[in-house]
Amino acid sequence: MNTPRRHPSLVPTALTVACAAAALAGCHEKQASAIDGNTVAIVNGELITREEFEKEFQRNLQFVDALDPRAPEQVEPMRRALLDELIDQRLLLQAAAKLNITARPEEVDRRVMRISADYPAEGFNEALVQSQLTQAELKRKTAALLVVEKLFDEHVYPRVAVTEEEIRQYFEEHKDEFSLPERVHAQQIVVKTLDEARRVQQLLRQGKKFADLARKYSLSADAKVGGDLGFFARGQMPPAFDDVAFRLGVGQVSDVVATEYGFHLFKVLEKKPARQLELTEARREVEAKILELKRAEAQRAYVARLRQEATVTINEPVLQSITGRPQANTPSPKESHR
């Protein structure tokens, strides 16, 4: 039985780092000539064009509109958030270029293959169309994503460390996050028809071993291990499994249970009650949580520093004129600085 896979966005999102924090950091004003009406912003001399911004903005609005009708007052914060994101992208890629960080074509191809593997046969191409992306654009975005990942991996994350004291303190303050739910260890036999299930049930009543019958009759992949499902908590299996397995006592065999997969018989082998984990058991998970938090903070600090050192000029009239829908006229450019 296969669990449906979630299909991630085709547009890489790891470049969207620390926008809120970085937006609060100052940027040096650019004392250059006026920006023309085809430019939204200049980041250390590199243009963010109106065409690029509108395409990204329309793509973002498409996903928002698909979830909830967009109110007019939502446009401005979304527009500003995208601008911050694009500025941060430029700054990170500029920093990576100075360090000669690149993504090899084969690395990009492997990552794109991993993305496409999360979709059914035609689903990937359909997702490209829905995302308004060509294969070339996806590869370009993926290459940028890989470059920024390398930048963080090589020049930001190595400075991050987790101490034993931090692990102990976090565990004490968040003990409720580190526990094991009630679990049950069960076996199953799955057959195609009710009559087959009744016959297997009769053989069990005659003293035949559950594991032997599972190996002989069960259609599920776990038949080769005697129908052993291992330990599982509520919610890890289909609801019908939970309803039966958590109700049975240890050693008991269920009546026939019909599901979309066939007709089942379950046997409970062991039960483990919910319990609080000890620090020795939770240590790796605690350390991973702290490391994730500290890496995120390191990202924000790194981008904030890039912002502080950057020269960014924003063409406010052009930015404000972009609504995510085609515009008849482009306003005359008047630049603002930040």
C-alpha atoms as a PDB file:
ATOM      1  CA  MET A   1       0.000   0.000   0.000  1.00  0.00           C
ATOM      2  CA  ASN A   2       1.520   3.281  -1.055  1.00  0.00           C
ATOM      3  CA  THR A   3       0.880   6.597   0.651  1.00  0.00           C
ATOM      4  CA  PRO A   4       0.169   9.473  -1.776  1.00  0.00           C
ATOM      5  CA  ARG A   5       3.089  11.853  -2.087  1.00  0.00           C
ATOM      6  CA  ARG A   6       2.813  15.586  -1.664  1.00  0.00           C
ATOM      7  CA  HIS A   7       3.909  17.513  -4.734  1.00  0.00           C
ATOM      8  CA  PRO A   8       6.197  20.391  -3.833  1.00  0.00           C
ATOM      9  CA  SER A   9       6.264  23.724  -5.599  1.00  0.00           C
ATOM     10  CA  LEU A  10       8.429  23.685  -8.700  1.00  0.00           C
ATOM     11  CA  VAL A  11       9.754  27.125  -7.835  1.00  0.00           C
ATOM     12  CA  PRO A  12      12.735  26.679  -5.468  1.00  0.00           C
ATOM     13  CA  THR A  13      12.070  28.361  -2.148  1.00  0.00           C
ATOM     14  CA  ALA A  14      15.366  28.122  -0.293  1.00  0.00           C
ATOM     15  CA  LEU A  15      16.365  31.461  -1.792  1.00  0.00           C
ATOM     16  CA  THR A  16      13.553  33.077   0.200  1.00  0.00           C
ATOM     17  CA  VAL A  17      15.582  33.545   3.345  1.00  0.00           C
ATOM     18  CA  ALA A  18      15.373  36.148   6.072  1.00  0.00           C
ATOM     19  CA  CYS A  19      13.346  38.626   4.014  1.00  0.00           C
ATOM     20  CA  ALA A  20      11.572  40.130   6.994  1.00  0.00           C
ATOM     21  CA  ALA A  21      14.708  40.591   9.065  1.00  0.00           C
ATOM     22  CA  ALA A  22      16.782  41.790   6.136  1.00  0.00           C
ATOM     23  CA  ALA A  23      14.169  44.337   5.148  1.00  0.00           C
ATOM     24  CA  LEU A  24      14.752  46.046   8.502  1.00  0.00           C
ATOM     25  CA  ALA A  25      18.466  46.401   7.814  1.00  0.00           C
ATOM     26  CA  GLY A  26      19.657  49.607   6.186  1.00  0.00           C
ATOM     27  CA  CYS A  27      20.924  49.869   2.622  1.00  0.00           C
ATOM     28  CA  HIS A  28      23.230  52.595   1.318  1.00  0.00           C
ATOM     29  CA  GLU A  29      21.626  55.006  -1.119  1.00  0.00           C
ATOM     30  CA  LYS A  30      22.780  54.888  -4.701  1.00  0.00           C
ATOM     31  CA  GLN A  31      23.786  58.278  -6.115  1.00  0.00           C
ATOM     32  CA  ALA A  32      23.448  57.230  -9.762  1.00  0.00           C
ATOM     33  CA  SER A  33      21.507  58.426 -12.780  1.00  0.00           C
ATOM     34  CA  ALA A  34      17.725  58.033 -12.866  1.00  0.00           C
ATOM     35  CA  ILE A  35      16.194  54.598 -13.345  1.00  0.00           C
ATOM     36  CA  ASP A  36      14.128  54.121 -16.483  1.00  0.00           C
ATOM     37  CA  GLY A  37      10.541  52.856 -16.525  1.00  0.00           C
ATOM     38  CA  ASN A  38      11.618  49.288 -17.272  1.00  0.00           C
ATOM     39  CA  THR A  39      13.504  48.887 -13.991  1.00  0.00           C
ATOM     40  CA  VAL A  40      12.020  48.145 -10.576  1.00  0.00           C
ATOM     41  CA  ALA A  41      15.269  48.236  -8.600  1.00  0.00           C
ATOM     42  CA  ILE A  42      19.054  48.228  -8.837  1.00  0.00           C
ATOM     43  CA  VAL A  43      21.010  46.032  -6.423  1.00  0.00           C
ATOM     44  CA  ASN A  44      24.721  46.866  -6.303  1.00  0.00           C
ATOM     45  CA  GLY A  45      24.484  47.873  -9.946  1.00  0.00           C
ATOM     46  CA  GLU A  46      22.440  44.819 -11.021  1.00  0.00           C
ATOM     47  CA  LEU A  47      18.956  45.424 -12.418  1.00  0.00           C
ATOM     48  CA  ILE A  48      15.672  43.889 -11.333  1.00  0.00           C
ATOM     49  CA  THR A  49      13.586  44.566 -14.413  1.00  0.00           C
ATOM     50  CA  ARG A  50       9.891  45.257 -14.587  1.00  0.00           C
ATOM     51  CA  GLU A  51       9.452  42.223 -16.857  1.00  0.00           C
ATOM     52  CA  GLU A  52      11.169  39.916 -14.346  1.00  0.00           C
ATOM     53  CA  PHE A  53       9.240  41.338 -11.394  1.00  0.00           C
ATOM     54  CA  GLU A  54       5.860  41.145 -13.152  1.00  0.00           C
ATOM     55  CA  LYS A  55       6.436  37.535 -14.160  1.00  0.00           C
ATOM     56  CA  GLU A  56       7.348  36.505 -10.615  1.00  0.00           C
ATOM     57  CA  PHE A  57       4.494  38.549  -9.162  1.00  0.00           C
ATOM     58  CA  GLN A  58       1.912  37.015 -11.494  1.00  0.00           C
ATOM     59  CA  ARG A  59       3.230  33.557 -10.633  1.00  0.00           C
ATOM     60  CA  ASN A  60       2.903  34.284  -6.906  1.00  0.00           C
ATOM     61  CA  LEU A  61      -0.594  35.725  -7.305  1.00  0.00           C
ATOM     62  CA  GLN A  62      -1.668  32.678  -9.277  1.00  0.00           C
ATOM     63  CA  PHE A  63      -0.950  30.406  -6.305  1.00  0.00           C
ATOM     64  CA  VAL A  64      -2.579  32.812  -3.847  1.00  0.00           C
ATOM     65  CA  ASP A  65      -5.700  33.187  -6.001  1.00  0.00           C
ATOM     66  CA  ALA A  66      -5.951  29.412  -6.260  1.00  0.00           C
ATOM     67  CA  LEU A  67      -6.225  29.216  -2.475  1.00  0.00           C
ATOM     68  CA  ASP A  68      -8.289  32.296  -1.665  1.00  0.00           C
ATOM     69  CA  PRO A  69      -9.698  35.212  -3.669  1.00  0.00           C
ATOM     70  CA  ARG A  70      -7.250  38.100  -3.393  1.00  0.00           C
ATOM     71  CA  ALA A  71      -8.386  41.321  -1.725  1.00  0.00           C
ATOM     72  CA  PRO A  72      -6.957  44.581  -3.159  1.00  0.00           C
ATOM     73  CA  GLU A  73      -5.341  45.540   0.149  1.00  0.00           C
ATOM     74  CA  GLN A  74      -3.254  42.351  -0.011  1.00  0.00           C
ATOM     75  CA  VAL A  75      -1.427  43.426  -3.163  1.00  0.00           C
ATOM     76  CA  GLU A  76       0.922  45.982  -1.564  1.00  0.00           C
ATOM     77  CA  PRO A  77       2.396  43.712   1.160  1.00  0.00           C
ATOM     78  CA  MET A  78       2.758  40.893  -1.367  1.00  0.00           C
ATOM     79  CA  ARG A  79       4.462  43.202  -3.836  1.00  0.00           C
ATOM     80  CA  ARG A  80       6.819  44.502  -1.145  1.00  0.00           C
ATOM     81  CA  ALA A  81       7.587  40.979   0.109  1.00  0.00           C
ATOM     82  CA  LEU A  82       8.490  39.846  -3.413  1.00  0.00           C
ATOM     83  CA  LEU A  83      10.776  42.829  -3.889  1.00  0.00           C
ATOM     84  CA  ASP A  84      12.566  42.020  -0.628  1.00  0.00           C
ATOM     85  CA  GLU A  85      12.886  38.420  -1.752  1.00  0.00           C
ATOM     86  CA  LEU A  86      14.363  39.367  -5.125  1.00  0.00           C
ATOM     87  CA  ILE A  87      16.790  41.818  -3.518  1.00  0.00           C
ATOM     88  CA  ASP A  88      17.946  39.119  -1.097  1.00  0.00           C
ATOM     89  CA  GLN A  89      18.352  36.677  -3.984  1.00  0.00           C
ATOM     90  CA  ARG A  90      20.552  39.124  -5.842  1.00  0.00           C
ATOM     91  CA  LEU A  91      22.672  39.819  -2.775  1.00  0.00           C
ATOM     92  CA  LEU A  92      23.176  36.128  -2.018  1.00  0.00           C
ATOM     93  CA  LEU A  93      24.072  35.276  -5.596  1.00  0.00           C
ATOM     94  CA  GLN A  94      26.446  38.232  -5.769  1.00  0.00           C
ATOM     95  CA  ALA A  95      28.128  37.054  -2.564  1.00  0.00           C
ATOM     96  CA  ALA A  96      28.417  33.531  -3.985  1.00  0.00           C
ATOM     97  CA  ALA A  97      29.913  34.851  -7.235  1.00  0.00           C
ATOM     98  CA  LYS A  98      32.630  36.695  -5.280  1.00  0.00           C
ATOM     99  CA  LEU A  99      33.509  33.366  -3.658  1.00  0.00           C
ATOM    100  CA  ASN A 100      33.502  31.573  -7.043  1.00  0.00           C
ATOM    101  CA  ILE A 101      30.653  29.281  -5.957  1.00  0.00           C
ATOM    102  CA  THR A 102      28.906  27.626  -8.900  1.00  0.00           C
ATOM    103  CA  ALA A 103      26.526  24.755  -9.651  1.00  0.00           C
ATOM    104  CA  ARG A 104      27.666  22.165 -12.164  1.00  0.00           C
ATOM    105  CA  PRO A 105      25.193  21.165 -14.918  1.00  0.00           C
ATOM    106  CA  GLU A 106      25.064  17.593 -13.636  1.00  0.00           C
ATOM    107  CA  GLU A 107      24.146  18.851 -10.137  1.00  0.00           C
ATOM    108  CA  VAL A 108      21.318  20.895 -11.593  1.00  0.00           C
ATOM    109  CA  ASP A 109      20.074  17.934 -13.644  1.00  0.00           C
ATOM    110  CA  ARG A 110      20.088  15.656 -10.603  1.00  0.00           C
ATOM    111  CA  ARG A 111      18.083  18.146  -8.544  1.00  0.00           C
ATOM    112  CA  VAL A 112      15.543  18.653 -11.347  1.00  0.00           C
ATOM    113  CA  MET A 113      15.194  14.868 -11.633  1.00  0.00           C
ATOM    114  CA  ARG A 114      14.502  14.689  -7.891  1.00  0.00           C
ATOM    115  CA  ILE A 115      11.810  17.340  -8.263  1.00  0.00           C
ATOM    116  CA  SER A 116      10.191  15.585 -11.245  1.00  0.00           C
ATOM    117  CA  ALA A 117      10.216  12.245  -9.376  1.00  0.00           C
ATOM    118  CA  ASP A 118       7.603  13.656  -6.980  1.00  0.00           C
ATOM    119  CA  TYR A 119       5.078  13.868  -9.820  1.00  0.00           C
ATOM    120  CA  PRO A 120       3.196  11.239 -11.850  1.00  0.00           C
ATOM    121  CA  ALA A 121       4.104  10.761 -15.520  1.00  0.00           C
ATOM    122  CA  GLU A 122       2.443  13.855 -17.002  1.00  0.00           C
ATOM    123  CA  GLY A 123       2.093  15.734 -13.738  1.00  0.00           C
ATOM    124  CA  PHE A 124       5.542  17.323 -13.947  1.00  0.00           C
ATOM    125  CA  ASN A 125       4.922  18.972 -17.321  1.00  0.00           C
ATOM    126  CA  GLU A 126       1.493  20.109 -16.157  1.00  0.00           C
ATOM    127  CA  ALA A 127       3.045  21.637 -13.051  1.00  0.00           C
ATOM    128  CA  LEU A 128       5.552  23.495 -15.218  1.00  0.00           C
ATOM    129  CA  VAL A 129       2.725  24.986 -17.246  1.00  0.00           C
ATOM    130  CA  GLN A 130       0.738  25.915 -14.137  1.00  0.00           C
ATOM    131  CA  SER A 131       3.851  27.532 -12.648  1.00  0.00           C
ATOM    132  CA  GLN A 132       4.468  29.426 -15.897  1.00  0.00           C
ATOM    133  CA  LEU A 133       7.940  27.905 -16.072  1.00  0.00           C
ATOM    134  CA  THR A 134       9.911  26.474 -18.966  1.00  0.00           C
ATOM    135  CA  GLN A 135      12.455  23.716 -18.424  1.00  0.00           C
ATOM    136  CA  ALA A 136      15.220  26.269 -18.996  1.00  0.00           C
ATOM    137  CA  GLU A 137      13.766  28.621 -16.360  1.00  0.00           C
ATOM    138  CA  LEU A 138      13.401  25.791 -13.854  1.00  0.00           C
ATOM    139  CA  LYS A 139      17.025  24.808 -14.418  1.00  0.00           C
ATOM    140  CA  ARG A 140      18.149  28.403 -13.972  1.00  0.00           C
ATOM    141  CA  LYS A 141      16.205  28.742 -10.714  1.00  0.00           C
ATOM    142  CA  THR A 142      17.486  25.375  -9.532  1.00  0.00           C
ATOM    143  CA  ALA A 143      21.076  26.383 -10.288  1.00  0.00           C
ATOM    144  CA  ALA A 144      20.580  29.547  -8.230  1.00  0.00           C
ATOM    145  CA  LEU A 145      19.107  27.489  -5.385  1.00  0.00           C
ATOM    146  CA  LEU A 146      22.102  25.133  -5.386  1.00  0.00           C
ATOM    147  CA  VAL A 147      24.551  28.050  -5.396  1.00  0.00           C
ATOM    148  CA  VAL A 148      22.878  29.622  -2.349  1.00  0.00           C
ATOM    149  CA  GLU A 149      22.761  26.254  -0.558  1.00  0.00           C
ATOM    150  CA  LYS A 150      26.520  25.918  -1.118  1.00  0.00           C
ATOM    151  CA  LEU A 151      27.070  29.477   0.106  1.00  0.00           C
ATOM    152  CA  PHE A 152      25.301  28.696   3.361  1.00  0.00           C
ATOM    153  CA  ASP A 153      26.849  25.233   3.718  1.00  0.00           C
ATOM    154  CA  GLU A 154      30.400  26.474   3.165  1.00  0.00           C
ATOM    155  CA  HIS A 155      30.419  29.975   4.653  1.00  0.00           C
ATOM    156  CA  VAL A 156      27.560  30.320   7.142  1.00  0.00           C
ATOM    157  CA  TYR A 157      26.661  26.976   8.732  1.00  0.00           C
ATOM    158  CA  PRO A 158      30.239  25.969   9.719  1.00  0.00           C
ATOM    159  CA  ARG A 159      30.174  28.814  12.268  1.00  0.00           C
ATOM    160  CA  VAL A 160      27.079  27.360  13.931  1.00  0.00           C
ATOM    161  CA  ALA A 161      27.538  24.940  16.835  1.00  0.00           C
ATOM    162  CA  VAL A 162      25.301  23.486  19.530  1.00  0.00           C
ATOM    163  CA  THR A 163      26.611  23.128  23.078  1.00  0.00           C
ATOM    164  CA  GLU A 164      25.689  20.508  25.659  1.00  0.00           C
ATOM    165  CA  GLU A 165      24.262  23.224  27.896  1.00  0.00           C
ATOM    166  CA  GLU A 166      21.975  24.411  25.079  1.00  0.00           C
ATOM    167  CA  ILE A 167      20.768  20.842  24.554  1.00  0.00           C
ATOM    168  CA  ARG A 168      19.985  20.366  28.254  1.00  0.00           C
ATOM    169  CA  GLN A 169      18.263  23.729  28.560  1.00  0.00           C
ATOM    170  CA  TYR A 170      16.142  23.271  25.436  1.00  0.00           C
ATOM    171  CA  PHE A 171      15.085  19.797  26.544  1.00  0.00           C
ATOM    172  CA  GLU A 172      14.039  21.024  29.994  1.00  0.00           C
ATOM    173  CA  GLU A 173      12.038  23.891  28.512  1.00  0.00           C
ATOM    174  CA  HIS A 174      10.345  21.800  25.805  1.00  0.00           C
ATOM    175  CA  LYS A 175       9.904  18.377  27.395  1.00  0.00           C
ATOM    176  CA  ASP A 176       6.354  18.092  26.083  1.00  0.00           C
ATOM    177  CA  GLU A 177       7.749  18.056  22.531  1.00  0.00           C
ATOM    178  CA  PHE A 178       9.777  14.916  23.187  1.00  0.00           C
ATOM    179  CA  SER A 179       7.527  11.982  23.927  1.00  0.00           C
ATOM    180  CA  LEU A 180       6.476   8.730  22.346  1.00  0.00           C
ATOM    181  CA  PRO A 181       2.758   8.195  21.641  1.00  0.00           C
ATOM    182  CA  GLU A 182       0.944   4.967  22.373  1.00  0.00           C
ATOM    183  CA  ARG A 183       2.118   2.347  19.877  1.00  0.00           C
ATOM    184  CA  VAL A 184       0.991  -1.092  18.838  1.00  0.00           C
ATOM    185  CA  HIS A 185       2.869  -3.928  17.158  1.00  0.00           C
ATOM    186  CA  ALA A 186       0.591  -5.884  14.837  1.00  0.00           C
ATOM    187  CA  GLN A 187       0.422  -8.385  12.010  1.00  0.00           C
ATOM    188  CA  GLN A 188      -2.043  -8.508   9.143  1.00  0.00           C
ATOM    189  CA  ILE A 189      -3.334 -10.868   6.494  1.00  0.00           C
ATOM    190  CA  VAL A 190      -4.930  -9.275   3.419  1.00  0.00           C
ATOM    191  CA  VAL A 191      -6.943 -11.253   0.875  1.00  0.00           C
ATOM    192  CA  LYS A 192      -9.118 -10.304  -2.066  1.00  0.00           C
ATOM    193  CA  THR A 193     -12.512 -11.688  -1.086  1.00  0.00           C
ATOM    194  CA  LEU A 194     -14.610 -12.145   2.038  1.00  0.00           C
ATOM    195  CA  ASP A 195     -14.807 -15.895   1.423  1.00  0.00           C
ATOM    196  CA  GLU A 196     -10.993 -16.142   1.418  1.00  0.00           C
ATOM    197  CA  ALA A 197     -10.854 -14.166   4.640  1.00  0.00           C
ATOM    198  CA  ARG A 198     -13.374 -16.502   6.267  1.00  0.00           C
ATOM    199  CA  ARG A 199     -11.325 -19.541   5.224  1.00  0.00           C
ATOM    200  CA  VAL A 200      -8.149 -18.062   6.711  1.00  0.00           C
ATOM    201  CA  GLN A 201     -10.094 -17.183   9.846  1.00  0.00           C
ATOM    202  CA  GLN A 202     -11.184 -20.815  10.157  1.00  0.00           C
ATOM    203  CA  LEU A 203      -7.579 -22.013   9.791  1.00  0.00           C
ATOM    204  CA  LEU A 204      -6.558 -19.692  12.627  1.00  0.00           C
ATOM    205  CA  ARG A 205      -9.280 -21.157  14.817  1.00  0.00           C
ATOM    206  CA  GLN A 206      -7.838 -24.589  14.062  1.00  0.00           C
ATOM    207  CA  GLY A 207      -4.527 -23.483  15.560  1.00  0.00           C
ATOM    208  CA  LYS A 208      -2.554 -22.494  12.461  1.00  0.00           C
ATOM    209  CA  LYS A 209       0.078 -19.832  13.073  1.00  0.00           C
ATOM    210  CA  PHE A 210      -0.819 -16.302  11.953  1.00  0.00           C
ATOM    211  CA  ALA A 211       2.627 -15.645  10.439  1.00  0.00           C
ATOM    212  CA  ASP A 212       2.553 -18.869   8.414  1.00  0.00           C
ATOM    213  CA  LEU A 213      -0.885 -18.058   7.002  1.00  0.00           C
ATOM    214  CA  ALA A 214       0.224 -14.520   6.172  1.00  0.00           C
ATOM    215  CA  ARG A 215       3.175 -15.845   4.194  1.00  0.00           C
ATOM    216  CA  LYS A 216       0.920 -18.284   2.335  1.00  0.00           C
ATOM    217  CA  TYR A 217      -2.216 -16.226   1.663  1.00  0.00           C
ATOM    218  CA  SER A 218      -1.639 -12.496   2.236  1.00  0.00           C
ATOM    219  CA  LEU A 219      -1.451 -10.156  -0.758  1.00  0.00           C
ATOM    220  CA  SER A 220       0.394  -7.352   1.043  1.00  0.00           C
ATOM    221  CA  ALA A 221       4.110  -6.651   0.733  1.00  0.00           C
ATOM    222  CA  ASP A 222       4.644  -7.606   4.373  1.00  0.00           C
ATOM    223  CA  ALA A 223       3.498 -11.172   3.688  1.00  0.00           C
ATOM    224  CA  LYS A 224       7.127 -12.258   3.320  1.00  0.00           C
ATOM    225  CA  VAL A 225       7.754 -11.274   6.956  1.00  0.00           C
ATOM    226  CA  GLY A 226       4.637 -12.965   8.263  1.00  0.00           C
ATOM    227  CA  GLY A 227       2.429  -9.897   7.867  1.00  0.00           C
ATOM    228  CA  ASP A 228       4.463  -7.982  10.441  1.00  0.00           C
ATOM    229  CA  LEU A 229       3.547  -4.274  10.391  1.00  0.00           C
ATOM    230  CA  GLY A 230       6.020  -3.337  13.099  1.00  0.00           C
ATOM    231  CA  PHE A 231       5.162  -0.754  15.736  1.00  0.00           C
ATOM    232  CA  PHE A 232       2.958   2.151  14.703  1.00  0.00           C
ATOM    233  CA  ALA A 233       1.210   5.056  16.406  1.00  0.00           C
ATOM    234  CA  ARG A 234      -2.251   6.395  15.695  1.00  0.00           C
ATOM    235  CA  GLY A 235      -2.376   8.187  12.369  1.00  0.00           C
ATOM    236  CA  GLN A 236       0.512   6.300  10.787  1.00  0.00           C
ATOM    237  CA  MET A 237      -1.775   3.698   9.249  1.00  0.00           C
ATOM    238  CA  PRO A 238      -5.202   3.989   7.604  1.00  0.00           C
ATOM    239  CA  PRO A 239      -7.970   4.774  10.139  1.00  0.00           C
ATOM    240  CA  ALA A 240      -9.486   1.291   9.813  1.00  0.00           C
ATOM    241  CA  PHE A 241      -6.175  -0.208  11.004  1.00  0.00           C
ATOM    242  CA  ASP A 242      -6.060   2.081  14.044  1.00  0.00           C
ATOM    243  CA  ASP A 243      -9.689   1.404  14.944  1.00  0.00           C
ATOM    244  CA  VAL A 244      -9.001  -2.306  15.191  1.00  0.00           C
ATOM    245  CA  ALA A 245      -5.401  -2.572  16.371  1.00  0.00           C
ATOM    246  CA  PHE A 246      -5.686  -0.149  19.280  1.00  0.00           C
ATOM    247  CA  ARG A 247      -8.907  -1.781  20.454  1.00  0.00           C
ATOM    248  CA  LEU A 248      -7.603  -5.359  20.527  1.00  0.00           C
ATOM    249  CA  GLY A 249      -5.745  -6.827  23.455  1.00  0.00           C
ATOM    250  CA  VAL A 250      -2.287  -8.363  23.128  1.00  0.00           C
ATOM    251  CA  GLY A 251      -2.537 -11.777  21.447  1.00  0.00           C
ATOM    252  CA  GLN A 252      -6.057 -11.168  20.122  1.00  0.00           C
ATOM    253  CA  VAL A 253      -7.047 -11.588  16.460  1.00  0.00           C
ATOM    254  CA  SER A 254      -9.631  -9.336  14.879  1.00  0.00           C
ATOM    255  CA  ASP A 255     -12.744 -10.284  12.965  1.00  0.00           C
ATOM    256  CA  VAL A 256     -12.611  -9.673   9.198  1.00  0.00           C
ATOM    257  CA  VAL A 257     -12.119  -5.979   8.378  1.00  0.00           C
ATOM    258  CA  ALA A 258     -13.015  -4.638   4.930  1.00  0.00           C
ATOM    259  CA  THR A 259     -10.975  -1.729   3.529  1.00  0.00           C
ATOM    260  CA  GLU A 260     -10.174  -0.341   0.090  1.00  0.00           C
ATOM    261  CA  TYR A 261      -7.175  -2.692  -0.003  1.00  0.00           C
ATOM    262  CA  GLY A 262      -9.126  -5.915   0.571  1.00  0.00           C
ATOM    263  CA  PHE A 263     -10.261  -8.016   3.515  1.00  0.00           C
ATOM    264  CA  HIS A 264      -7.987  -8.033   6.555  1.00  0.00           C
ATOM    265  CA  LEU A 265      -7.335  -9.998   9.698  1.00  0.00           C
ATOM    266  CA  PHE A 266      -5.171  -8.349  12.361  1.00  0.00           C
ATOM    267  CA  LYS A 267      -3.287  -9.756  15.309  1.00  0.00           C
ATOM    268  CA  VAL A 268      -1.783  -7.590  18.048  1.00  0.00           C
ATOM    269  CA  LEU A 269       1.635  -8.750  19.263  1.00  0.00           C
ATOM    270  CA  GLU A 270       2.637  -5.968  21.675  1.00  0.00           C
ATOM    271  CA  LYS A 271       1.454  -2.625  23.004  1.00  0.00           C
ATOM    272  CA  LYS A 272       3.526   0.230  24.365  1.00  0.00           C
ATOM    273  CA  PRO A 273       1.904   3.087  26.304  1.00  0.00           C
ATOM    274  CA  ALA A 274       2.718   6.727  25.628  1.00  0.00           C
ATOM    275  CA  ARG A 275       5.691   8.004  27.646  1.00  0.00           C
ATOM    276  CA  GLN A 276       8.065  10.912  28.067  1.00  0.00           C
ATOM    277  CA  LEU A 277      11.493  10.491  26.470  1.00  0.00           C
ATOM    278  CA  GLU A 278      14.658  10.797  28.527  1.00  0.00           C
ATOM    279  CA  LEU A 279      17.301  13.250  27.346  1.00  0.00           C
ATOM    280  CA  THR A 280      19.574  10.374  26.330  1.00  0.00           C
ATOM    281  CA  GLU A 281      16.848   9.139  23.986  1.00  0.00           C
ATOM    282  CA  ALA A 282      15.873  12.566  22.624  1.00  0.00           C
ATOM    283  CA  ARG A 283      19.353  14.064  22.385  1.00  0.00           C
ATOM    284  CA  ARG A 284      19.742  13.808  18.604  1.00  0.00           C
ATOM    285  CA  GLU A 285      16.303  15.264  17.976  1.00  0.00           C
ATOM    286  CA  VAL A 286      16.922  18.099  20.441  1.00  0.00           C
ATOM    287  CA  GLU A 287      20.274  18.889  18.862  1.00  0.00           C
ATOM    288  CA  ALA A 288      18.715  18.871  15.385  1.00  0.00           C
ATOM    289  CA  LYS A 289      15.988  21.300  16.464  1.00  0.00           C
ATOM    290  CA  ILE A 290      18.487  23.697  18.026  1.00  0.00           C
ATOM    291  CA  LEU A 291      20.771  23.462  15.002  1.00  0.00           C
ATOM    292  CA  GLU A 292      17.853  24.278  12.692  1.00  0.00           C
ATOM    293  CA  LEU A 293      16.951  27.349  14.775  1.00  0.00           C
ATOM    294  CA  LYS A 294      20.544  28.570  14.968  1.00  0.00           C
ATOM    295  CA  ARG A 295      21.100  28.054  11.245  1.00  0.00           C
ATOM    296  CA  ALA A 296      17.979  30.062  10.461  1.00  0.00           C
ATOM    297  CA  GLU A 297      19.234  32.858  12.709  1.00  0.00           C
ATOM    298  CA  ALA A 298      22.668  32.698  11.059  1.00  0.00           C
ATOM    299  CA  GLN A 299      20.987  33.005   7.656  1.00  0.00           C
ATOM    300  CA  ARG A 300      19.047  36.063   8.792  1.00  0.00           C
ATOM    301  CA  ALA A 301      22.178  37.681  10.223  1.00  0.00           C
ATOM    302  CA  TYR A 302      24.169  36.971   7.057  1.00  0.00           C
ATOM    303  CA  VAL A 303      21.519  38.453   4.775  1.00  0.00           C
ATOM    304  CA  ALA A 304      21.080  41.437   7.099  1.00  0.00           C
ATOM    305  CA  ARG A 305      24.817  42.131   6.827  1.00  0.00           C
ATOM    306  CA  LEU A 306      24.649  41.926   3.028  1.00  0.00           C
ATOM    307  CA  ARG A 307      21.742  44.370   3.141  1.00  0.00           C
ATOM    308  CA  GLN A 308      23.658  46.744   5.406  1.00  0.00           C
ATOM    309  CA  GLU A 309      26.593  46.813   2.997  1.00  0.00           C
ATOM    310  CA  ALA A 310      24.490  46.988  -0.180  1.00  0.00           C
ATOM    311  CA  THR A 311      23.525  49.905  -2.408  1.00  0.00           C
ATOM    312  CA  VAL A 312      19.914  49.408  -3.460  1.00  0.00           C
ATOM    313  CA  THR A 313      17.806  51.870  -5.455  1.00  0.00           C
ATOM    314  CA  ILE A 314      14.051  51.279  -5.831  1.00  0.00           C
ATOM    315  CA  ASN A 315      11.835  52.828  -8.506  1.00  0.00           C
ATOM    316  CA  GLU A 316       8.728  53.341  -6.364  1.00  0.00           C
ATOM    317  CA  PRO A 317       6.387  54.605  -9.148  1.00  0.00           C
ATOM    318  CA  VAL A 318       7.110  51.532 -11.281  1.00  0.00           C
ATOM    319  CA  LEU A 319       6.812  49.208  -8.281  1.00  0.00           C
ATOM    320  CA  GLN A 320       3.473  50.696  -7.240  1.00  0.00           C
ATOM    321  CA  SER A 321       2.114  50.439 -10.783  1.00  0.00           C
ATOM    322  CA  ILE A 322       2.543  46.656 -10.845  1.00  0.00           C
ATOM    323  CA  THR A 323      -0.714  44.991  -9.816  1.00  0.00           C
ATOM    324  CA  GLY A 324      -0.216  41.540 -11.247  1.00  0.00           C
ATOM    325  CA  ARG A 325      -2.451  42.349 -14.197  1.00  0.00           C
ATOM    326  CA  PRO A 326      -1.431  43.911 -17.542  1.00  0.00           C
ATOM    327  CA  GLN A 327      -1.218  47.705 -17.369  1.00  0.00           C
ATOM    328  CA  ALA A 328      -2.007  50.059 -20.234  1.00  0.00           C
ATOM    329  CA  ASN A 329       0.493  52.777 -19.295  1.00  0.00           C
ATOM    330  CA  THR A 330       3.817  52.914 -17.508  1.00  0.00           C
ATOM    331  CA  PRO A 331       4.280  55.915 -15.213  1.00  0.00           C
ATOM    332  CA  SER A 332       7.192  58.262 -15.637  1.00  0.00           C
ATOM    333  CA  PRO A 333      10.070  57.069 -13.474  1.00  0.00           C
ATOM    334  CA  LYS A 334      10.870  58.731 -10.169  1.00  0.00           C
ATOM    335  CA  GLU A 335      13.397  56.918  -8.041  1.00  0.00           C
ATOM    336  CA  SER A 336      13.510  56.427  -4.315  1.00  0.00           C
ATOM    337  CA  HIS A 337      16.417  55.068  -2.301  1.00  0.00           C
ATOM    338  CA  ARG A 338      16.768  52.587   0.501  1.00  0.00           C
END
